[in-house]
Amino acid sequence: YWVDPRRILMHRSKVDENLTYKLDDKFLQDGDWDMNLMSPLKHPIVMNAFNVSKGQMTWADTGEFDRMRNLVSSHGHFDGCSCEADIEKRYEHLDRIIMDVKKKKMMKSRKDLVPLNFRELGGLEVAIARNGDIIKVGDGQHRLGISLALDLTSVPVSIILVHKNYGK
């Protein structure tokens, strides 16, 4: 699916990981997980990607390198990184995505980047709220920040969750 990134909202607090990582094979979920939303530009990772994409900061200036170092130090491995060289490669890769999006005026789908990719795995994951709002709930903070900074009107997403009362 493709959506306008300007329509995507985020939670003010971290989404209950039971909803995004332990769905028990339930695509439809009830509860209040679709409440207490905010602009994604209030999320630090989205804002960092936005600022780098606008050319206002470097990844190092944003604190992203330190954040990843801390995560790798705590977990041993995070987002494909297990050492300083991996962290540098990760942000070089994000810089290449920014340059590609600036040049082509579009965000490639994960399938375009990784031909065997299925359902935008590793891309921008969203949920549909009871009122139809689109909520970023999983991966994709950097991609969202990049797309907002570069004024894209459509981005590929993976819908991983729908509120049980949507459409009622």
N, C-alpha and C. Protein backbone atom coordinates (compact mmCIF):
# COMPACT_ATOMS: atom_id res chain seq x y z
N TYR A 1 0.83 -1.18 0.00
CA TYR A 1 0.00 0.00 0.00
C TYR A 1 0.87 1.25 0.00
N TRP A 2 0.34 2.32 -0.52
CA TRP A 2 1.02 3.61 -0.55
C TRP A 2 0.12 4.63 0.13
N VAL A 3 0.68 5.46 0.99
CA VAL A 3 -0.09 6.49 1.69
C VAL A 3 0.67 7.81 1.68
N ASP A 4 -0.06 8.87 1.92
CA ASP A 4 0.54 10.19 2.05
C ASP A 4 1.19 10.28 3.43
N PRO A 5 2.50 10.48 3.51
CA PRO A 5 3.17 10.48 4.82
C PRO A 5 2.68 11.61 5.74
N ARG A 6 2.10 12.66 5.16
CA ARG A 6 1.60 13.77 5.98
C ARG A 6 0.36 13.37 6.77
N ARG A 7 -0.22 12.22 6.42
CA ARG A 7 -1.40 11.71 7.15
C ARG A 7 -1.02 10.80 8.31
N ILE A 8 0.25 10.42 8.40
CA ILE A 8 0.68 9.45 9.40
C ILE A 8 0.88 10.13 10.75
N LEU A 9 0.33 9.52 11.78
CA LEU A 9 0.48 10.00 13.16
C LEU A 9 1.31 8.99 13.95
N MET A 10 1.70 9.38 15.16
CA MET A 10 2.46 8.48 16.04
C MET A 10 1.90 8.58 17.45
N HIS A 11 2.26 7.62 18.28
CA HIS A 11 1.89 7.63 19.68
C HIS A 11 2.76 8.58 20.47
N ARG A 12 2.19 9.14 21.53
CA ARG A 12 2.98 9.99 22.43
C ARG A 12 3.89 9.13 23.30
N SER A 13 3.53 7.88 23.49
CA SER A 13 4.37 6.94 24.23
C SER A 13 4.55 5.70 23.38
N LYS A 14 5.48 4.86 23.76
CA LYS A 14 5.76 3.64 23.00
C LYS A 14 4.52 2.75 22.96
N VAL A 15 4.23 2.24 21.78
CA VAL A 15 3.10 1.33 21.61
C VAL A 15 3.39 0.04 22.36
N ASP A 16 2.38 -0.52 22.99
CA ASP A 16 2.52 -1.79 23.70
C ASP A 16 3.11 -2.82 22.74
N GLU A 17 4.28 -3.35 23.08
CA GLU A 17 4.93 -4.28 22.14
C GLU A 17 4.11 -5.54 21.91
N ASN A 18 3.17 -5.86 22.78
CA ASN A 18 2.29 -7.00 22.52
C ASN A 18 1.48 -6.79 21.26
N LEU A 19 1.19 -5.54 20.92
CA LEU A 19 0.42 -5.28 19.71
C LEU A 19 1.27 -5.43 18.45
N THR A 20 2.51 -5.02 18.51
CA THR A 20 3.32 -5.01 17.30
C THR A 20 4.21 -6.23 17.14
N TYR A 21 4.53 -6.92 18.21
CA TYR A 21 5.45 -8.04 18.09
C TYR A 21 4.85 -9.39 18.46
N LYS A 22 3.74 -9.39 19.16
CA LYS A 22 3.13 -10.64 19.59
C LYS A 22 1.64 -10.61 19.28
N LEU A 23 1.31 -10.52 18.01
CA LEU A 23 -0.07 -10.34 17.61
C LEU A 23 -0.94 -11.58 17.78
N ASP A 24 -0.34 -12.70 18.11
CA ASP A 24 -1.11 -13.94 18.23
C ASP A 24 -1.95 -14.18 16.98
N ASP A 25 -1.36 -13.86 15.83
CA ASP A 25 -2.04 -14.03 14.55
C ASP A 25 -3.32 -13.22 14.44
N LYS A 26 -3.40 -12.13 15.16
CA LYS A 26 -4.58 -11.27 15.09
C LYS A 26 -4.23 -9.97 14.39
N PHE A 27 -4.74 -9.81 13.19
CA PHE A 27 -4.53 -8.59 12.43
C PHE A 27 -5.48 -7.51 12.96
N LEU A 28 -6.65 -7.93 13.43
CA LEU A 28 -7.63 -7.00 14.01
C LEU A 28 -7.47 -7.00 15.52
N GLN A 29 -7.31 -5.81 16.11
CA GLN A 29 -7.13 -5.69 17.55
C GLN A 29 -8.07 -4.62 18.10
N ASP A 30 -8.62 -4.88 19.28
CA ASP A 30 -9.40 -3.83 19.94
C ASP A 30 -8.52 -3.14 20.97
N GLY A 31 -9.09 -2.34 21.83
CA GLY A 31 -8.31 -1.62 22.82
C GLY A 31 -8.13 -0.15 22.44
N ASP A 32 -7.37 0.56 23.25
CA ASP A 32 -7.17 1.99 23.05
C ASP A 32 -5.80 2.33 22.47
N TRP A 33 -5.18 1.40 21.77
CA TRP A 33 -3.86 1.62 21.21
C TRP A 33 -3.86 2.72 20.15
N ASP A 34 -5.04 3.09 19.66
CA ASP A 34 -5.11 4.12 18.61
C ASP A 34 -5.45 5.51 19.17
N MET A 35 -5.25 5.69 20.46
CA MET A 35 -5.51 6.98 21.11
C MET A 35 -4.18 7.66 21.47
N ASN A 36 -4.27 8.91 21.89
CA ASN A 36 -3.11 9.65 22.39
C ASN A 36 -2.03 9.79 21.31
N LEU A 37 -2.42 10.38 20.17
CA LEU A 37 -1.53 10.48 19.01
C LEU A 37 -0.91 11.86 18.89
N MET A 38 0.17 11.93 18.11
CA MET A 38 0.88 13.20 17.90
C MET A 38 1.48 13.22 16.50
N SER A 39 1.97 14.38 16.12
CA SER A 39 2.70 14.51 14.86
C SER A 39 3.99 13.70 14.96
N PRO A 40 4.36 13.00 13.89
CA PRO A 40 5.63 12.26 13.93
C PRO A 40 6.84 13.17 14.10
N LEU A 41 6.71 14.44 13.76
CA LEU A 41 7.84 15.36 13.90
C LEU A 41 8.15 15.69 15.36
N LYS A 42 7.33 15.18 16.28
CA LYS A 42 7.64 15.31 17.70
C LYS A 42 8.44 14.10 18.20
N HIS A 43 8.61 13.10 17.35
CA HIS A 43 9.39 11.91 17.70
C HIS A 43 10.85 12.19 17.36
N PRO A 44 11.78 11.97 18.30
CA PRO A 44 13.18 12.37 18.05
C PRO A 44 13.84 11.70 16.86
N ILE A 45 13.58 10.44 16.60
CA ILE A 45 14.24 9.77 15.46
C ILE A 45 13.69 10.31 14.14
N VAL A 46 12.38 10.49 14.08
CA VAL A 46 11.78 11.06 12.87
C VAL A 46 12.33 12.46 12.63
N MET A 47 12.40 13.26 13.69
CA MET A 47 12.90 14.63 13.56
C MET A 47 14.37 14.64 13.16
N ASN A 48 15.16 13.73 13.68
CA ASN A 48 16.57 13.65 13.28
C ASN A 48 16.70 13.37 11.79
N ALA A 49 15.94 12.41 11.30
CA ALA A 49 15.98 12.08 9.87
C ALA A 49 15.48 13.26 9.04
N PHE A 50 14.48 13.96 9.53
CA PHE A 50 13.96 15.15 8.86
C PHE A 50 15.07 16.20 8.74
N ASN A 51 15.74 16.49 9.85
CA ASN A 51 16.79 17.52 9.85
C ASN A 51 17.97 17.15 8.96
N VAL A 52 18.38 15.89 8.96
CA VAL A 52 19.48 15.46 8.09
C VAL A 52 19.04 15.57 6.63
N SER A 53 17.82 15.16 6.32
CA SER A 53 17.31 15.21 4.95
C SER A 53 17.21 16.64 4.43
N LYS A 54 16.91 17.57 5.30
CA LYS A 54 16.82 19.00 4.94
C LYS A 54 18.21 19.64 4.84
N GLY A 55 19.26 18.91 5.25
CA GLY A 55 20.61 19.43 5.22
C GLY A 55 20.92 20.35 6.39
N GLN A 56 20.09 20.28 7.43
CA GLN A 56 20.26 21.17 8.58
C GLN A 56 21.24 20.60 9.61
N MET A 57 21.45 19.28 9.59
CA MET A 57 22.33 18.61 10.55
C MET A 57 22.96 17.39 9.91
N THR A 58 24.00 16.86 10.54
CA THR A 58 24.55 15.56 10.15
C THR A 58 24.00 14.53 11.13
N TRP A 59 24.16 13.26 10.80
CA TRP A 59 23.72 12.21 11.72
C TRP A 59 24.45 12.32 13.05
N ALA A 60 25.73 12.64 13.01
CA ALA A 60 26.50 12.78 14.24
C ALA A 60 25.95 13.94 15.08
N ASP A 61 25.61 15.06 14.42
CA ASP A 61 25.05 16.22 15.13
C ASP A 61 23.74 15.88 15.84
N THR A 62 22.96 14.99 15.26
CA THR A 62 21.64 14.67 15.82
C THR A 62 21.72 13.80 17.08
N GLY A 63 22.86 13.16 17.28
CA GLY A 63 22.98 12.22 18.39
C GLY A 63 22.64 10.79 18.00
N GLU A 64 22.35 10.56 16.71
CA GLU A 64 21.98 9.22 16.25
C GLU A 64 23.13 8.22 16.44
N PHE A 65 24.37 8.65 16.20
CA PHE A 65 25.50 7.74 16.39
C PHE A 65 25.59 7.31 17.86
N ASP A 66 25.46 8.27 18.76
CA ASP A 66 25.50 7.94 20.19
C ASP A 66 24.35 7.03 20.59
N ARG A 67 23.16 7.31 20.06
CA ARG A 67 21.99 6.48 20.37
C ARG A 67 22.24 5.04 19.93
N MET A 68 22.77 4.85 18.72
CA MET A 68 23.04 3.50 18.22
C MET A 68 24.16 2.84 19.00
N ARG A 69 25.19 3.60 19.35
CA ARG A 69 26.28 3.03 20.17
C ARG A 69 25.72 2.50 21.48
N ASN A 70 24.86 3.27 22.12
CA ASN A 70 24.26 2.85 23.39
C ASN A 70 23.40 1.60 23.21
N LEU A 71 22.63 1.54 22.13
CA LEU A 71 21.78 0.37 21.88
C LEU A 71 22.63 -0.87 21.60
N VAL A 72 23.68 -0.72 20.82
CA VAL A 72 24.56 -1.86 20.53
C VAL A 72 25.27 -2.29 21.81
N SER A 73 25.68 -1.33 22.60
CA SER A 73 26.34 -1.65 23.87
C SER A 73 25.40 -2.41 24.82
N SER A 74 24.14 -2.00 24.86
CA SER A 74 23.15 -2.63 25.75
C SER A 74 22.71 -4.00 25.27
N HIS A 75 22.52 -4.12 23.94
CA HIS A 75 21.93 -5.34 23.39
C HIS A 75 22.92 -6.24 22.66
N GLY A 76 24.12 -5.73 22.37
CA GLY A 76 25.10 -6.50 21.63
C GLY A 76 24.91 -6.41 20.13
N HIS A 77 23.68 -6.19 19.71
CA HIS A 77 23.33 -6.13 18.29
C HIS A 77 22.02 -5.37 18.20
N PHE A 78 21.96 -4.38 17.30
CA PHE A 78 20.70 -3.64 17.15
C PHE A 78 20.60 -3.11 15.72
N ASP A 79 19.45 -3.33 15.10
CA ASP A 79 19.18 -2.87 13.73
C ASP A 79 20.31 -3.22 12.76
N GLY A 80 20.82 -4.43 12.88
CA GLY A 80 21.86 -4.89 11.98
C GLY A 80 23.26 -4.41 12.34
N CYS A 81 23.38 -3.73 13.46
CA CYS A 81 24.69 -3.18 13.87
C CYS A 81 25.22 -3.91 15.10
N SER A 82 26.52 -4.24 15.06
CA SER A 82 27.14 -4.83 16.25
C SER A 82 28.49 -4.19 16.57
N CYS A 83 28.88 -3.19 15.76
CA CYS A 83 30.15 -2.49 16.00
C CYS A 83 30.09 -1.11 15.35
N GLU A 84 31.11 -0.33 15.63
CA GLU A 84 31.18 1.05 15.10
C GLU A 84 31.11 1.08 13.57
N ALA A 85 31.80 0.17 12.92
CA ALA A 85 31.79 0.14 11.45
C ALA A 85 30.38 -0.10 10.92
N ASP A 86 29.62 -0.98 11.59
CA ASP A 86 28.24 -1.25 11.17
C ASP A 86 27.38 0.01 11.32
N ILE A 87 27.59 0.73 12.40
CA ILE A 87 26.83 1.96 12.64
C ILE A 87 27.12 2.97 11.54
N GLU A 88 28.39 3.13 11.20
CA GLU A 88 28.76 4.06 10.13
C GLU A 88 28.13 3.65 8.81
N LYS A 89 28.14 2.35 8.50
CA LYS A 89 27.53 1.85 7.26
C LYS A 89 26.02 2.12 7.25
N ARG A 90 25.39 1.94 8.41
CA ARG A 90 23.94 2.17 8.50
C ARG A 90 23.59 3.60 8.11
N TYR A 91 24.31 4.56 8.65
CA TYR A 91 23.99 5.96 8.36
C TYR A 91 24.47 6.37 6.97
N GLU A 92 25.50 5.74 6.44
CA GLU A 92 25.87 5.97 5.04
C GLU A 92 24.76 5.46 4.13
N HIS A 93 24.17 4.32 4.50
CA HIS A 93 23.05 3.78 3.74
C HIS A 93 21.85 4.74 3.77
N LEU A 94 21.56 5.28 4.94
CA LEU A 94 20.46 6.26 5.04
C LEU A 94 20.77 7.50 4.20
N ASP A 95 22.03 7.94 4.17
CA ASP A 95 22.41 9.07 3.31
C ASP A 95 22.16 8.75 1.84
N ARG A 96 22.44 7.51 1.43
CA ARG A 96 22.18 7.11 0.04
C ARG A 96 20.68 7.11 -0.25
N ILE A 97 19.88 6.68 0.72
CA ILE A 97 18.42 6.72 0.54
C ILE A 97 17.97 8.17 0.36
N ILE A 98 18.48 9.07 1.19
CA ILE A 98 18.12 10.49 1.08
C ILE A 98 18.48 11.02 -0.30
N MET A 99 19.67 10.73 -0.77
CA MET A 99 20.10 11.22 -2.09
C MET A 99 19.22 10.64 -3.20
N ASP A 100 18.88 9.36 -3.09
CA ASP A 100 18.03 8.72 -4.10
C ASP A 100 16.64 9.34 -4.10
N VAL A 101 16.08 9.59 -2.92
CA VAL A 101 14.75 10.18 -2.84
C VAL A 101 14.78 11.61 -3.39
N LYS A 102 15.81 12.37 -3.07
CA LYS A 102 15.93 13.73 -3.62
C LYS A 102 15.98 13.70 -5.14
N LYS A 103 16.73 12.76 -5.68
CA LYS A 103 16.90 12.66 -7.13
C LYS A 103 15.62 12.20 -7.83
N LYS A 104 14.99 11.16 -7.28
CA LYS A 104 13.83 10.55 -7.95
C LYS A 104 12.49 11.08 -7.48
N LYS A 105 12.50 11.86 -6.41
CA LYS A 105 11.27 12.43 -5.84
C LYS A 105 10.27 11.36 -5.42
N MET A 106 10.81 10.21 -5.00
CA MET A 106 9.96 9.12 -4.51
C MET A 106 10.78 8.20 -3.62
N MET A 107 10.09 7.53 -2.71
CA MET A 107 10.70 6.54 -1.83
C MET A 107 10.50 5.17 -2.47
N LYS A 108 11.59 4.48 -2.71
CA LYS A 108 11.47 3.13 -3.26
C LYS A 108 10.85 2.21 -2.22
N SER A 109 10.08 1.24 -2.70
CA SER A 109 9.55 0.23 -1.79
C SER A 109 10.69 -0.68 -1.36
N ARG A 110 10.52 -1.38 -0.26
CA ARG A 110 11.54 -2.33 0.20
C ARG A 110 11.73 -3.43 -0.84
N LYS A 111 10.67 -3.79 -1.55
CA LYS A 111 10.78 -4.82 -2.59
C LYS A 111 11.67 -4.33 -3.73
N ASP A 112 11.63 -3.04 -4.04
CA ASP A 112 12.52 -2.49 -5.06
C ASP A 112 13.97 -2.52 -4.61
N LEU A 113 14.18 -2.36 -3.30
CA LEU A 113 15.54 -2.36 -2.75
C LEU A 113 16.07 -3.76 -2.52
N VAL A 114 15.18 -4.65 -2.07
CA VAL A 114 15.54 -6.05 -1.77
C VAL A 114 14.50 -6.92 -2.47
N PRO A 115 14.82 -7.44 -3.67
CA PRO A 115 13.82 -8.12 -4.50
C PRO A 115 13.01 -9.22 -3.81
N LEU A 116 13.56 -9.92 -2.84
CA LEU A 116 12.80 -10.98 -2.18
C LEU A 116 12.02 -10.47 -0.96
N ASN A 117 12.03 -9.15 -0.75
CA ASN A 117 11.32 -8.58 0.40
C ASN A 117 9.82 -8.79 0.25
N PHE A 118 9.17 -9.02 1.38
CA PHE A 118 7.75 -9.32 1.40
C PHE A 118 7.03 -8.35 2.34
N ARG A 119 6.00 -7.74 1.86
CA ARG A 119 5.14 -6.85 2.66
C ARG A 119 5.90 -5.70 3.33
N GLU A 120 6.86 -5.13 2.63
CA GLU A 120 7.56 -3.94 3.13
C GLU A 120 8.32 -4.21 4.43
N LEU A 121 8.74 -5.46 4.64
CA LEU A 121 9.50 -5.83 5.84
C LEU A 121 10.73 -4.93 5.97
N GLY A 122 10.86 -4.28 7.12
CA GLY A 122 11.96 -3.35 7.37
C GLY A 122 11.65 -1.94 6.90
N GLY A 123 10.48 -1.76 6.31
CA GLY A 123 10.08 -0.44 5.85
C GLY A 123 9.17 0.24 6.87
N LEU A 124 8.27 1.03 6.38
CA LEU A 124 7.38 1.82 7.21
C LEU A 124 6.15 0.99 7.57
N GLU A 125 6.00 0.67 8.86
CA GLU A 125 4.88 -0.15 9.33
C GLU A 125 3.83 0.73 9.98
N VAL A 126 2.57 0.52 9.58
CA VAL A 126 1.48 1.35 10.09
C VAL A 126 0.31 0.49 10.53
N ALA A 127 -0.57 1.15 11.28
CA ALA A 127 -1.84 0.55 11.69
C ALA A 127 -2.95 1.50 11.28
N ILE A 128 -4.15 0.96 11.19
CA ILE A 128 -5.32 1.77 10.88
C ILE A 128 -6.17 1.86 12.14
N ALA A 129 -6.40 3.09 12.60
CA ALA A 129 -7.18 3.33 13.81
C ALA A 129 -8.67 3.15 13.54
N ARG A 130 -9.45 3.12 14.60
CA ARG A 130 -10.90 2.95 14.49
C ARG A 130 -11.53 4.04 13.63
N ASN A 131 -10.94 5.26 13.63
CA ASN A 131 -11.50 6.37 12.86
C ASN A 131 -10.82 6.53 11.49
N GLY A 132 -9.93 5.60 11.12
CA GLY A 132 -9.25 5.65 9.84
C GLY A 132 -7.90 6.33 9.85
N ASP A 133 -7.51 6.91 11.01
CA ASP A 133 -6.18 7.51 11.10
C ASP A 133 -5.12 6.45 10.79
N ILE A 134 -4.03 6.90 10.20
CA ILE A 134 -2.90 6.02 9.91
C ILE A 134 -1.85 6.29 10.99
N ILE A 135 -1.44 5.22 11.69
CA ILE A 135 -0.54 5.36 12.83
C ILE A 135 0.72 4.54 12.58
N LYS A 136 1.89 5.18 12.69
CA LYS A 136 3.14 4.45 12.58
C LYS A 136 3.34 3.67 13.87
N VAL A 137 3.46 2.35 13.77
CA VAL A 137 3.55 1.51 14.96
C VAL A 137 4.78 0.62 15.02
N GLY A 138 5.50 0.46 13.95
CA GLY A 138 6.65 -0.44 13.96
C GLY A 138 7.86 0.26 13.38
N ASP A 139 8.51 -0.41 12.46
CA ASP A 139 9.71 0.13 11.82
C ASP A 139 9.38 1.33 10.93
N GLY A 140 10.44 2.09 10.60
CA GLY A 140 10.29 3.11 9.57
C GLY A 140 10.41 4.56 10.01
N GLN A 141 10.93 4.82 11.21
CA GLN A 141 11.04 6.21 11.66
C GLN A 141 11.91 7.04 10.72
N HIS A 142 13.06 6.51 10.32
CA HIS A 142 13.95 7.27 9.43
C HIS A 142 13.28 7.50 8.08
N ARG A 143 12.66 6.48 7.52
CA ARG A 143 11.99 6.63 6.23
C ARG A 143 10.87 7.67 6.31
N LEU A 144 10.15 7.69 7.43
CA LEU A 144 9.09 8.68 7.59
C LEU A 144 9.67 10.09 7.66
N GLY A 145 10.72 10.29 8.44
CA GLY A 145 11.35 11.60 8.54
C GLY A 145 11.88 12.08 7.20
N ILE A 146 12.49 11.17 6.45
CA ILE A 146 13.01 11.51 5.12
C ILE A 146 11.87 11.93 4.20
N SER A 147 10.80 11.17 4.19
CA SER A 147 9.69 11.46 3.28
C SER A 147 9.00 12.78 3.64
N LEU A 148 8.89 13.08 4.93
CA LEU A 148 8.29 14.35 5.34
C LEU A 148 9.19 15.53 4.97
N ALA A 149 10.49 15.38 5.17
CA ALA A 149 11.43 16.46 4.86
C ALA A 149 11.47 16.77 3.37
N LEU A 150 11.33 15.74 2.56
CA LEU A 150 11.47 15.91 1.12
C LEU A 150 10.12 16.05 0.42
N ASP A 151 9.08 16.31 1.21
CA ASP A 151 7.74 16.64 0.69
C ASP A 151 7.14 15.59 -0.23
N LEU A 152 7.38 14.32 0.09
CA LEU A 152 6.76 13.26 -0.70
C LEU A 152 5.26 13.22 -0.41
N THR A 153 4.48 12.85 -1.39
CA THR A 153 3.02 12.75 -1.20
C THR A 153 2.54 11.31 -1.15
N SER A 154 3.47 10.36 -1.34
CA SER A 154 3.10 8.95 -1.29
C SER A 154 4.33 8.14 -0.91
N VAL A 155 4.16 7.23 0.07
CA VAL A 155 5.24 6.33 0.49
C VAL A 155 4.69 4.92 0.65
N PRO A 156 5.55 3.92 0.42
CA PRO A 156 5.10 2.53 0.61
C PRO A 156 5.04 2.20 2.10
N VAL A 157 3.99 1.49 2.49
CA VAL A 157 3.82 1.08 3.89
C VAL A 157 3.38 -0.37 3.94
N SER A 158 3.56 -0.95 5.11
CA SER A 158 3.01 -2.27 5.41
C SER A 158 1.98 -2.06 6.51
N ILE A 159 0.75 -2.43 6.23
CA ILE A 159 -0.30 -2.33 7.25
C ILE A 159 -0.23 -3.60 8.08
N ILE A 160 0.14 -3.45 9.36
CA ILE A 160 0.34 -4.62 10.20
C ILE A 160 -0.77 -4.80 11.23
N LEU A 161 -1.65 -3.82 11.33
CA LEU A 161 -2.67 -3.86 12.38
C LEU A 161 -3.83 -2.96 12.01
N VAL A 162 -5.04 -3.42 12.31
CA VAL A 162 -6.25 -2.62 12.08
C VAL A 162 -7.10 -2.71 13.34
N HIS A 163 -7.64 -1.55 13.76
CA HIS A 163 -8.51 -1.57 14.94
C HIS A 163 -9.78 -2.34 14.63
N LYS A 164 -10.19 -3.14 15.56
CA LYS A 164 -11.37 -4.00 15.39
C LYS A 164 -12.63 -3.20 15.04
N ASN A 165 -12.70 -1.95 15.48
CA ASN A 165 -13.89 -1.15 15.22
C ASN A 165 -13.78 -0.24 14.00
N TYR A 166 -12.70 -0.40 13.23
CA TYR A 166 -12.56 0.41 12.01
C TYR A 166 -13.70 0.09 11.06
N GLY A 167 -14.33 1.14 10.54
CA GLY A 167 -15.41 0.96 9.58
C GLY A 167 -16.77 0.68 10.19
N LYS A 168 -16.84 0.65 11.52
CA LYS A 168 -18.14 0.38 12.15
C LYS A 168 -18.84 1.67 12.48
